[in-house]
PDB file of all heavy atoms in Angstrom:
ATOM      1  N   LEU A   1     109.618  94.182 114.160  1.00  0.00           N
ATOM      2  CA  LEU A   1     108.651  93.266 114.691  1.00  0.00           C
ATOM      3  C   LEU A   1     108.063  93.641 115.992  1.00  0.00           C
ATOM      4  O   LEU A   1     106.816  93.253 116.322  1.00  0.00           O
ATOM      5  CB  LEU A   1     109.244  91.796 114.774  1.00  0.00           C
ATOM      6  CG  LEU A   1     109.551  91.083 113.522  1.00  0.00           C
ATOM      7  CD1 LEU A   1     110.323  89.824 113.667  1.00  0.00           C
ATOM      8  CD2 LEU A   1     108.136  90.708 112.727  1.00  0.00           C
ATOM      9  N   LEU A   2     108.729  94.346 116.866  1.00  0.00           N
ATOM     10  CA  LEU A   2     108.335  94.687 118.123  1.00  0.00           C
ATOM     11  C   LEU A   2     107.765  96.046 118.061  1.00  0.00           C
ATOM     12  O   LEU A   2     107.221  96.608 119.194  1.00  0.00           O
ATOM     13  CB  LEU A   2     109.430  94.706 119.119  1.00  0.00           C
ATOM     14  CG  LEU A   2     110.312  93.538 119.189  1.00  0.00           C
ATOM     15  CD1 LEU A   2     111.544  93.615 120.182  1.00  0.00           C
ATOM     16  CD2 LEU A   2     109.602  92.252 119.372  1.00  0.00           C
ATOM     17  N   SER A   3     107.666  96.802 117.064  1.00  0.00           N
ATOM     18  CA  SER A   3     107.155  98.152 116.911  1.00  0.00           C
ATOM     19  C   SER A   3     105.631  98.219 117.065  1.00  0.00           C
ATOM     20  O   SER A   3     104.954  97.521 116.243  1.00  0.00           O
ATOM     21  CB  SER A   3     107.598  98.789 115.652  1.00  0.00           C
ATOM     22  OG  SER A   3     107.181 100.280 115.497  1.00  0.00           O
ATOM     23  N   ALA A   4     105.130  99.101 117.780  1.00  0.00           N
ATOM     24  CA  ALA A   4     103.736  99.457 117.878  1.00  0.00           C
ATOM     25  C   ALA A   4     103.385 100.758 117.072  1.00  0.00           C
ATOM     26  O   ALA A   4     102.267 101.232 117.041  1.00  0.00           O
ATOM     27  CB  ALA A   4     103.300  99.692 119.259  1.00  0.00           C
ATOM     28  N   ASP A   5     104.421 101.361 116.338  1.00  0.00           N
ATOM     29  CA  ASP A   5     104.195 102.616 115.647  1.00  0.00           C
ATOM     30  C   ASP A   5     103.519 102.260 114.410  1.00  0.00           C
ATOM     31  O   ASP A   5     103.266 101.001 114.008  1.00  0.00           O
ATOM     32  CB  ASP A   5     105.526 103.198 115.231  1.00  0.00           C
ATOM     33  CG  ASP A   5     106.284 103.767 116.472  1.00  0.00           C
ATOM     34  OD1 ASP A   5     105.616 103.785 117.508  1.00  0.00           O
ATOM     35  OD2 ASP A   5     107.527 104.127 116.291  1.00  0.00           O
ATOM     36  N   THR A   6     103.114 103.277 113.597  1.00  0.00           N
ATOM     37  CA  THR A   6     102.450 103.161 112.327  1.00  0.00           C
ATOM     38  C   THR A   6     103.127 104.042 111.239  1.00  0.00           C
ATOM     39  O   THR A   6     103.858 104.952 111.627  1.00  0.00           O
ATOM     40  CB  THR A   6     101.006 103.572 112.405  1.00  0.00           C
ATOM     41  OG1 THR A   6     100.862 105.007 112.696  1.00  0.00           O
ATOM     42  CG2 THR A   6     100.150 102.829 113.298  1.00  0.00           C
ATOM     43  N   THR A   7     103.107 103.559 110.013  1.00  0.00           N
ATOM     44  CA  THR A   7     103.488 104.272 108.875  1.00  0.00           C
ATOM     45  C   THR A   7     102.269 104.381 107.854  1.00  0.00           C
ATOM     46  O   THR A   7     101.736 103.292 107.582  1.00  0.00           O
ATOM     47  CB  THR A   7     104.692 103.709 108.157  1.00  0.00           C
ATOM     48  OG1 THR A   7     105.870 103.728 109.010  1.00  0.00           O
ATOM     49  CG2 THR A   7     105.034 104.362 106.853  1.00  0.00           C
ATOM     50  N   GLY A   8     101.954 105.473 107.574  1.00  0.00           N
ATOM     51  CA  GLY A   8     100.745 105.680 106.632  1.00  0.00           C
ATOM     52  C   GLY A   8      99.571 105.104 107.211  1.00  0.00           C
ATOM     53  O   GLY A   8      98.639 104.623 106.558  1.00  0.00           O
ATOM     54  N   GLY A   9      99.518 105.029 108.667  1.00  0.00           N
ATOM     55  CA  GLY A   9      98.400 104.571 109.308  1.00  0.00           C
ATOM     56  C   GLY A   9      98.332 103.065 109.441  1.00  0.00           C
ATOM     57  O   GLY A   9      97.438 102.455 110.059  1.00  0.00           O
ATOM     58  N   ARG A  10      99.531 102.395 109.025  1.00  0.00           N
ATOM     59  CA  ARG A  10      99.493 100.947 109.054  1.00  0.00           C
ATOM     60  C   ARG A  10     100.480 100.461 110.138  1.00  0.00           C
ATOM     61  O   ARG A  10     101.649 101.102 110.342  1.00  0.00           O
ATOM     62  CB  ARG A  10     100.027 100.478 107.667  1.00  0.00           C
ATOM     63  CG  ARG A  10      99.343 100.978 106.471  1.00  0.00           C
ATOM     64  CD  ARG A  10      97.854 100.625 106.438  1.00  0.00           C
ATOM     65  NE  ARG A  10      97.699  99.139 106.219  1.00  0.00           N
ATOM     66  CZ  ARG A  10      96.506  98.535 105.963  1.00  0.00           C
ATOM     67  NH1 ARG A  10      95.411  99.342 105.686  1.00  0.00           N
ATOM     68  NH2 ARG A  10      96.473  97.268 105.811  1.00  0.00           N
ATOM     69  N   PRO A  11     100.233  99.333 110.806  1.00  0.00           N
ATOM     70  CA  PRO A  11     100.933  99.006 111.941  1.00  0.00           C
ATOM     71  C   PRO A  11     102.226  98.305 111.562  1.00  0.00           C
ATOM     72  O   PRO A  11     102.177  97.283 110.854  1.00  0.00           O
ATOM     73  CB  PRO A  11      99.990  97.956 112.708  1.00  0.00           C
ATOM     74  CG  PRO A  11      99.099  97.515 111.666  1.00  0.00           C
ATOM     75  CD  PRO A  11      98.904  98.668 110.747  1.00  0.00           C
ATOM     76  N   ILE A  12     103.392  98.955 112.054  1.00  0.00           N
ATOM     77  CA  ILE A  12     104.660  98.366 111.421  1.00  0.00           C
ATOM     78  C   ILE A  12     104.852  96.895 111.832  1.00  0.00           C
ATOM     79  O   ILE A  12     105.225  96.086 111.122  1.00  0.00           O
ATOM     80  CB  ILE A  12     105.790  99.290 111.934  1.00  0.00           C
ATOM     81  CG1 ILE A  12     105.652 100.636 111.372  1.00  0.00           C
ATOM     82  CG2 ILE A  12     107.111  98.670 111.555  1.00  0.00           C
ATOM     83  CD1 ILE A  12     106.544 101.798 111.809  1.00  0.00           C
ATOM     84  N   GLY A  13     104.872  96.520 113.162  1.00  0.00           N
ATOM     85  CA  GLY A  13     105.103  95.287 113.714  1.00  0.00           C
ATOM     86  C   GLY A  13     104.321  94.233 113.057  1.00  0.00           C
ATOM     87  O   GLY A  13     104.859  93.171 112.597  1.00  0.00           O
ATOM     88  N   ALA A  14     103.097  94.325 113.149  1.00  0.00           N
ATOM     89  CA  ALA A  14     102.076  93.424 112.637  1.00  0.00           C
ATOM     90  C   ALA A  14     102.311  93.270 111.135  1.00  0.00           C
ATOM     91  O   ALA A  14     102.223  92.094 110.595  1.00  0.00           O
ATOM     92  CB  ALA A  14     100.609  93.813 112.889  1.00  0.00           C
ATOM     93  N   GLU A  15     102.485  94.275 110.369  1.00  0.00           N
ATOM     94  CA  GLU A  15     102.609  94.171 108.897  1.00  0.00           C
ATOM     95  C   GLU A  15     103.996  93.523 108.581  1.00  0.00           C
ATOM     96  O   GLU A  15     103.983  92.760 107.540  1.00  0.00           O
ATOM     97  CB  GLU A  15     102.536  95.434 108.252  1.00  0.00           C
ATOM     98  CG  GLU A  15     101.050  95.966 108.319  1.00  0.00           C
ATOM     99  CD  GLU A  15     100.633  96.857 107.148  1.00  0.00           C
ATOM    100  OE1 GLU A  15     101.592  97.441 106.489  1.00  0.00           O
ATOM    101  OE2 GLU A  15      99.380  97.173 106.869  1.00  0.00           O
ATOM    102  N   LEU A  16     105.125  93.686 109.347  1.00  0.00           N
ATOM    103  CA  LEU A  16     106.408  92.977 109.009  1.00  0.00           C
ATOM    104  C   LEU A  16     106.135  91.529 109.310  1.00  0.00           C
ATOM    105  O   LEU A  16     106.607  90.715 108.490  1.00  0.00           O
ATOM    106  CB  LEU A  16     107.484  93.559 109.785  1.00  0.00           C
ATOM    107  CG  LEU A  16     108.790  92.922 109.542  1.00  0.00           C
ATOM    108  CD1 LEU A  16     109.286  92.875 108.111  1.00  0.00           C
ATOM    109  CD2 LEU A  16     109.897  93.506 110.427  1.00  0.00           C
ATOM    110  N   ARG A  17     105.459  91.261 110.325  1.00  0.00           N
ATOM    111  CA  ARG A  17     105.240  89.825 110.625  1.00  0.00           C
ATOM    112  C   ARG A  17     104.447  89.188 109.567  1.00  0.00           C
ATOM    113  O   ARG A  17     104.758  88.017 108.995  1.00  0.00           O
ATOM    114  CB  ARG A  17     104.575  89.718 112.008  1.00  0.00           C
ATOM    115  CG  ARG A  17     104.272  88.181 112.236  1.00  0.00           C
ATOM    116  CD  ARG A  17     103.402  88.058 113.657  1.00  0.00           C
ATOM    117  NE  ARG A  17     103.104  86.738 113.808  1.00  0.00           N
ATOM    118  CZ  ARG A  17     103.827  85.873 114.586  1.00  0.00           C
ATOM    119  NH1 ARG A  17     104.988  86.136 115.133  1.00  0.00           N
ATOM    120  NH2 ARG A  17     103.438  84.618 114.735  1.00  0.00           N
ATOM    121  N   GLU A  18     103.382  89.905 109.014  1.00  0.00           N
ATOM    122  CA  GLU A  18     102.613  89.309 107.988  1.00  0.00           C
ATOM    123  C   GLU A  18     103.402  89.223 106.679  1.00  0.00           C
ATOM    124  O   GLU A  18     103.216  88.310 105.885  1.00  0.00           O
ATOM    125  CB  GLU A  18     101.312  90.195 107.832  1.00  0.00           C
ATOM    126  CG  GLU A  18     100.498  89.777 106.672  1.00  0.00           C
ATOM    127  CD  GLU A  18      99.927  88.418 106.526  1.00  0.00           C
ATOM    128  OE1 GLU A  18      99.952  87.748 107.603  1.00  0.00           O
ATOM    129  OE2 GLU A  18      99.416  87.916 105.515  1.00  0.00           O
ATOM    130  N   ALA A  19     104.311  90.148 106.343  1.00  0.00           N
ATOM    131  CA  ALA A  19     105.176  90.073 105.251  1.00  0.00           C
ATOM    132  C   ALA A  19     106.028  88.805 105.268  1.00  0.00           C
ATOM    133  O   ALA A  19     106.188  88.100 104.263  1.00  0.00           O
ATOM    134  CB  ALA A  19     105.932  91.263 105.040  1.00  0.00           C
ATOM    135  N   LEU A  20     106.572  88.644 106.462  1.00  0.00           N
ATOM    136  CA  LEU A  20     107.401  87.415 106.597  1.00  0.00           C
ATOM    137  C   LEU A  20     106.574  86.156 106.383  1.00  0.00           C
ATOM    138  O   LEU A  20     107.052  85.202 105.770  1.00  0.00           O
ATOM    139  CB  LEU A  20     108.228  87.474 107.902  1.00  0.00           C
ATOM    140  CG  LEU A  20     109.256  88.475 108.081  1.00  0.00           C
ATOM    141  CD1 LEU A  20     109.730  88.639 109.482  1.00  0.00           C
ATOM    142  CD2 LEU A  20     110.448  88.200 107.113  1.00  0.00           C
ATOM    143  N   ARG A  21     105.474  86.102 106.981  1.00  0.00           N
ATOM    144  CA  ARG A  21     104.581  84.974 106.864  1.00  0.00           C
ATOM    145  C   ARG A  21     104.262  84.712 105.356  1.00  0.00           C
ATOM    146  O   ARG A  21     104.330  83.558 104.808  1.00  0.00           O
ATOM    147  CB  ARG A  21     103.377  85.159 107.565  1.00  0.00           C
ATOM    148  CG  ARG A  21     102.254  83.952 107.578  1.00  0.00           C
ATOM    149  CD  ARG A  21     100.927  84.228 107.694  1.00  0.00           C
ATOM    150  NE  ARG A  21     100.354  85.077 106.658  1.00  0.00           N
ATOM    151  CZ  ARG A  21     100.066  84.684 105.439  1.00  0.00           C
ATOM    152  NH1 ARG A  21     100.314  83.445 105.034  1.00  0.00           N
ATOM    153  NH2 ARG A  21      99.569  85.531 104.515  1.00  0.00           N
ATOM    154  N   ARG A  22     104.036  85.787 104.710  1.00  0.00           N
ATOM    155  CA  ARG A  22     103.566  85.665 103.353  1.00  0.00           C
ATOM    156  C   ARG A  22     104.732  85.168 102.353  1.00  0.00           C
ATOM    157  O   ARG A  22     104.545  84.281 101.601  1.00  0.00           O
ATOM    158  CB  ARG A  22     103.084  87.067 102.818  1.00  0.00           C
ATOM    159  CG  ARG A  22     102.178  86.897 101.586  1.00  0.00           C
ATOM    160  CD  ARG A  22     101.431  88.183 101.330  1.00  0.00           C
ATOM    161  NE  ARG A  22     100.757  88.100 100.004  1.00  0.00           N
ATOM    162  CZ  ARG A  22     100.246  89.100  99.395  1.00  0.00           C
ATOM    163  NH1 ARG A  22     100.003  90.305 100.002  1.00  0.00           N
ATOM    164  NH2 ARG A  22      99.562  88.933  98.185  1.00  0.00           N
ATOM    165  N   VAL A  23     105.836  85.614 102.616  1.00  0.00           N
ATOM    166  CA  VAL A  23     107.028  85.085 101.745  1.00  0.00           C
ATOM    167  C   VAL A  23     107.375  83.609 102.174  1.00  0.00           C
ATOM    168  O   VAL A  23     107.821  82.808 101.302  1.00  0.00           O
ATOM    169  CB  VAL A  23     108.204  85.881 101.902  1.00  0.00           C
ATOM    170  CG1 VAL A  23     108.022  87.339 101.228  1.00  0.00           C
ATOM    171  CG2 VAL A  23     108.855  86.061 103.205  1.00  0.00           C
ATOM    172  N   HIS A  24     107.152  83.258 103.362  1.00  0.00           N
ATOM    173  CA  HIS A  24     107.377  81.980 103.846  1.00  0.00           C
ATOM    174  C   HIS A  24     106.354  81.032 103.097  1.00  0.00           C
ATOM    175  O   HIS A  24     106.584  79.958 102.631  1.00  0.00           O
ATOM    176  CB  HIS A  24     107.277  81.734 105.342  1.00  0.00           C
ATOM    177  CG  HIS A  24     107.397  80.395 105.814  1.00  0.00           C
ATOM    178  ND1 HIS A  24     106.308  79.516 106.054  1.00  0.00           N
ATOM    179  CD2 HIS A  24     108.386  79.589 106.093  1.00  0.00           C
ATOM    180  CE1 HIS A  24     106.548  78.413 106.466  1.00  0.00           C
ATOM    181  NE2 HIS A  24     107.981  78.282 106.465  1.00  0.00           N
ATOM    182  N   ASP A  25     104.992  81.401 103.338  1.00  0.00           N
ATOM    183  CA  ASP A  25     103.944  80.504 102.893  1.00  0.00           C
ATOM    184  C   ASP A  25     103.787  80.470 101.416  1.00  0.00           C
ATOM    185  O   ASP A  25     103.507  79.419 100.701  1.00  0.00           O
ATOM    186  CB  ASP A  25     102.657  80.914 103.524  1.00  0.00           C
ATOM    187  CG  ASP A  25     102.567  80.831 105.091  1.00  0.00           C
ATOM    188  OD1 ASP A  25     103.570  80.249 105.622  1.00  0.00           O
ATOM    189  OD2 ASP A  25     101.632  81.080 105.638  1.00  0.00           O
ATOM    190  N   ASP A  26     103.906  81.571 100.821  1.00  0.00           N
ATOM    191  CA  ASP A  26     103.621  81.716  99.258  1.00  0.00           C
ATOM    192  C   ASP A  26     104.906  81.553  98.382  1.00  0.00           C
ATOM    193  O   ASP A  26     104.702  81.193  97.234  1.00  0.00           O
ATOM    194  CB  ASP A  26     103.093  83.124  98.968  1.00  0.00           C
ATOM    195  CG  ASP A  26     101.716  83.325  99.638  1.00  0.00           C
ATOM    196  OD1 ASP A  26     101.132  82.363 100.110  1.00  0.00           O
ATOM    197  OD2 ASP A  26     101.208  84.434  99.565  1.00  0.00           O
ATOM    198  N   ILE A  27     106.109  81.777  98.908  1.00  0.00           N
ATOM    199  CA  ILE A  27     107.349  81.706  98.132  1.00  0.00           C
ATOM    200  C   ILE A  27     108.231  80.604  98.691  1.00  0.00           C
ATOM    201  O   ILE A  27     109.102  80.096  97.939  1.00  0.00           O
ATOM    202  CB  ILE A  27     108.065  83.037  98.068  1.00  0.00           C
ATOM    203  CG1 ILE A  27     107.124  84.127  97.474  1.00  0.00           C
ATOM    204  CG2 ILE A  27     109.301  83.013  97.304  1.00  0.00           C
ATOM    205  CD1 ILE A  27     107.641  85.552  97.452  1.00  0.00           C
ATOM    206  N   GLY A  28     108.052  80.184  99.991  1.00  0.00           N
ATOM    207  CA  GLY A  28     108.854  79.128 100.463  1.00  0.00           C
ATOM    208  C   GLY A  28     110.093  79.525 101.169  1.00  0.00           C
ATOM    209  O   GLY A  28     110.995  78.773 101.406  1.00  0.00           O
ATOM    210  N   VAL A  29     110.266  80.896 101.433  1.00  0.00           N
ATOM    211  CA  VAL A  29     111.455  81.398 101.948  1.00  0.00           C
ATOM    212  C   VAL A  29     111.714  80.806 103.305  1.00  0.00           C
ATOM    213  O   VAL A  29     110.859  80.792 104.265  1.00  0.00           O
ATOM    214  CB  VAL A  29     111.465  82.904 102.016  1.00  0.00           C
ATOM    215  CG1 VAL A  29     112.809  83.439 102.603  1.00  0.00           C
ATOM    216  CG2 VAL A  29     111.352  83.484 100.605  1.00  0.00           C
ATOM    217  N   ARG A  30     113.036  80.445 103.554  1.00  0.00           N
ATOM    218  CA  ARG A  30     113.263  79.711 104.880  1.00  0.00           C
ATOM    219  C   ARG A  30     114.085  80.477 105.850  1.00  0.00           C
ATOM    220  O   ARG A  30     114.118  80.205 107.033  1.00  0.00           O
ATOM    221  CB  ARG A  30     114.230  78.399 104.523  1.00  0.00           C
ATOM    222  CG  ARG A  30     113.521  77.503 103.498  1.00  0.00           C
ATOM    223  CD  ARG A  30     114.281  76.189 103.471  1.00  0.00           C
ATOM    224  NE  ARG A  30     115.592  76.481 102.865  1.00  0.00           N
ATOM    225  CZ  ARG A  30     115.916  76.372 101.544  1.00  0.00           C
ATOM    226  NH1 ARG A  30     114.947  76.101 100.644  1.00  0.00           N
ATOM    227  NH2 ARG A  30     117.041  76.627 101.089  1.00  0.00           N
ATOM    228  N   THR A  31     114.921  81.458 105.371  1.00  0.00           N
ATOM    229  CA  THR A  31     115.747  82.259 106.282  1.00  0.00           C
ATOM    230  C   THR A  31     115.512  83.751 105.991  1.00  0.00           C
ATOM    231  O   THR A  31     115.244  84.178 104.918  1.00  0.00           O
ATOM    232  CB  THR A  31     117.224  81.807 106.310  1.00  0.00           C
ATOM    233  OG1 THR A  31     117.633  82.200 104.978  1.00  0.00           O
ATOM    234  CG2 THR A  31     117.410  80.448 106.509  1.00  0.00           C
ATOM    235  N   VAL A  32     115.848  84.534 107.040  1.00  0.00           N
ATOM    236  CA  VAL A  32     115.831  85.955 106.935  1.00  0.00           C
ATOM    237  C   VAL A  32     117.080  86.662 107.658  1.00  0.00           C
ATOM    238  O   VAL A  32     117.489  86.211 108.700  1.00  0.00           O
ATOM    239  CB  VAL A  32     114.491  86.551 107.533  1.00  0.00           C
ATOM    240  CG1 VAL A  32     114.406  86.229 109.050  1.00  0.00           C
ATOM    241  CG2 VAL A  32     114.418  88.041 107.451  1.00  0.00           C
ATOM    242  N   ARG A  33     117.623  87.566 106.969  1.00  0.00           N
ATOM    243  CA  ARG A  33     118.783  88.251 107.366  1.00  0.00           C
ATOM    244  C   ARG A  33     118.489  89.748 107.497  1.00  0.00           C
ATOM    245  O   ARG A  33     117.909  90.366 106.521  1.00  0.00           O
ATOM    246  CB  ARG A  33     119.960  88.068 106.323  1.00  0.00           C
ATOM    247  CG  ARG A  33     121.295  88.712 106.677  1.00  0.00           C
ATOM    248  CD  ARG A  33     121.623  89.582 105.556  1.00  0.00           C
ATOM    249  NE  ARG A  33     122.970  90.204 105.710  1.00  0.00           N
ATOM    250  CZ  ARG A  33     123.254  91.445 105.200  1.00  0.00           C
ATOM    251  NH1 ARG A  33     122.373  92.123 104.626  1.00  0.00           N
ATOM    252  NH2 ARG A  33     124.427  91.930 105.513  1.00  0.00           N
ATOM    253  N   ALA A  34     119.007  90.285 108.627  1.00  0.00           N
ATOM    254  CA  ALA A  34     118.640  91.726 108.870  1.00  0.00           C
ATOM    255  C   ALA A  34     119.813  92.432 109.667  1.00  0.00           C
ATOM    256  O   ALA A  34     120.703  91.736 110.227  1.00  0.00           O
ATOM    257  CB  ALA A  34     117.331  91.819 109.753  1.00  0.00           C
ATOM    258  N   HIS A  35     119.696  93.805 109.564  1.00  0.00           N
ATOM    259  CA  HIS A  35     120.742  94.593 110.312  1.00  0.00           C
ATOM    260  C   HIS A  35     120.390  94.809 111.760  1.00  0.00           C
ATOM    261  O   HIS A  35     119.344  94.580 112.263  1.00  0.00           O
ATOM    262  CB  HIS A  35     120.868  95.946 109.642  1.00  0.00           C
ATOM    263  CG  HIS A  35     121.240  96.031 108.279  1.00  0.00           C
ATOM    264  ND1 HIS A  35     122.030  95.079 107.669  1.00  0.00           N
ATOM    265  CD2 HIS A  35     120.864  96.994 107.263  1.00  0.00           C
ATOM    266  CE1 HIS A  35     122.187  95.463 106.348  1.00  0.00           C
ATOM    267  NE2 HIS A  35     121.556  96.603 106.114  1.00  0.00           N
ATOM    268  N   HIS A  36     121.478  95.182 112.521  1.00  0.00           N
ATOM    269  CA  HIS A  36     121.300  95.902 113.847  1.00  0.00           C
ATOM    270  C   HIS A  36     120.726  94.971 114.990  1.00  0.00           C
ATOM    271  O   HIS A  36     120.081  95.546 115.782  1.00  0.00           O
ATOM    272  CB  HIS A  36     120.497  97.165 113.605  1.00  0.00           C
ATOM    273  CG  HIS A  36     120.675  98.284 114.582  1.00  0.00           C
ATOM    274  ND1 HIS A  36     121.948  98.558 115.064  1.00  0.00           N
ATOM    275  CD2 HIS A  36     119.756  99.043 115.183  1.00  0.00           C
ATOM    276  CE1 HIS A  36     121.782  99.465 116.084  1.00  0.00           C
ATOM    277  NE2 HIS A  36     120.497  99.788 116.074  1.00  0.00           N
ATOM    278  N   ILE A  37     121.062  93.720 114.946  1.00  0.00           N
ATOM    279  CA  ILE A  37     120.461  92.979 116.095  1.00  0.00           C
ATOM    280  C   ILE A  37     121.162  93.322 117.291  1.00  0.00           C
ATOM    281  O   ILE A  37     120.556  93.182 118.472  1.00  0.00           O
ATOM    282  CB  ILE A  37     120.660  91.452 115.739  1.00  0.00           C
ATOM    283  CG1 ILE A  37     119.680  90.629 116.688  1.00  0.00           C
ATOM    284  CG2 ILE A  37     122.153  91.030 115.837  1.00  0.00           C
ATOM    285  CD1 ILE A  37     118.321  90.796 116.502  1.00  0.00           C
ATOM    286  N   LEU A  38     122.338  93.866 117.281  1.00  0.00           N
ATOM    287  CA  LEU A  38     122.989  94.247 118.530  1.00  0.00           C
ATOM    288  C   LEU A  38     122.617  95.539 119.091  1.00  0.00           C
ATOM    289  O   LEU A  38     123.110  96.005 120.098  1.00  0.00           O
ATOM    290  CB  LEU A  38     124.535  94.245 118.395  1.00  0.00           C
ATOM    291  CG  LEU A  38     125.282  92.839 117.987  1.00  0.00           C
ATOM    292  CD1 LEU A  38     126.729  92.835 117.976  1.00  0.00           C
ATOM    293  CD2 LEU A  38     124.843  91.770 118.985  1.00  0.00           C
ATOM    294  N   GLY A  39     121.686  96.096 118.428  1.00  0.00           N
ATOM    295  CA  GLY A  39     120.946  97.330 118.999  1.00  0.00           C
ATOM    296  C   GLY A  39     119.844  96.984 119.897  1.00  0.00           C
ATOM    297  O   GLY A  39     119.317  97.817 120.562  1.00  0.00           O
ATOM    298  N   CYS A  40     119.591  95.679 120.177  1.00  0.00           N
ATOM    299  CA  CYS A  40     118.622  95.096 121.006  1.00  0.00           C
ATOM    300  C   CYS A  40     119.296  94.481 122.236  1.00  0.00           C
ATOM    301  O   CYS A  40     120.380  93.956 122.180  1.00  0.00           O
ATOM    302  CB  CYS A  40     117.756  94.129 120.318  1.00  0.00           C
ATOM    303  SG  CYS A  40     116.971  94.778 118.791  1.00  0.00           S
ATOM    304  N   ASP A  41     118.554  94.469 123.385  1.00  0.00           N
ATOM    305  CA  ASP A  41     118.963  93.612 124.487  1.00  0.00           C
ATOM    306  C   ASP A  41     118.607  92.254 124.249  1.00  0.00           C
ATOM    307  O   ASP A  41     117.938  91.918 123.378  1.00  0.00           O
ATOM    308  CB  ASP A  41     118.601  94.209 125.723  1.00  0.00           C
ATOM    309  CG  ASP A  41     117.164  94.217 125.976  1.00  0.00           C
ATOM    310  OD1 ASP A  41     116.383  93.474 125.388  1.00  0.00           O
ATOM    311  OD2 ASP A  41     116.561  95.115 126.776  1.00  0.00           O
TER     312      ASP A  41
END
């Protein structure tokens, strides 16, 4: 979510945020589980 990099010319952070918004709004998903949170301060 914090990444300013791109993949295939597409912005990683902005598109992950939009993907989460879309599954929340269109599918109703309430929680998200992910790896490696202790890799962040």
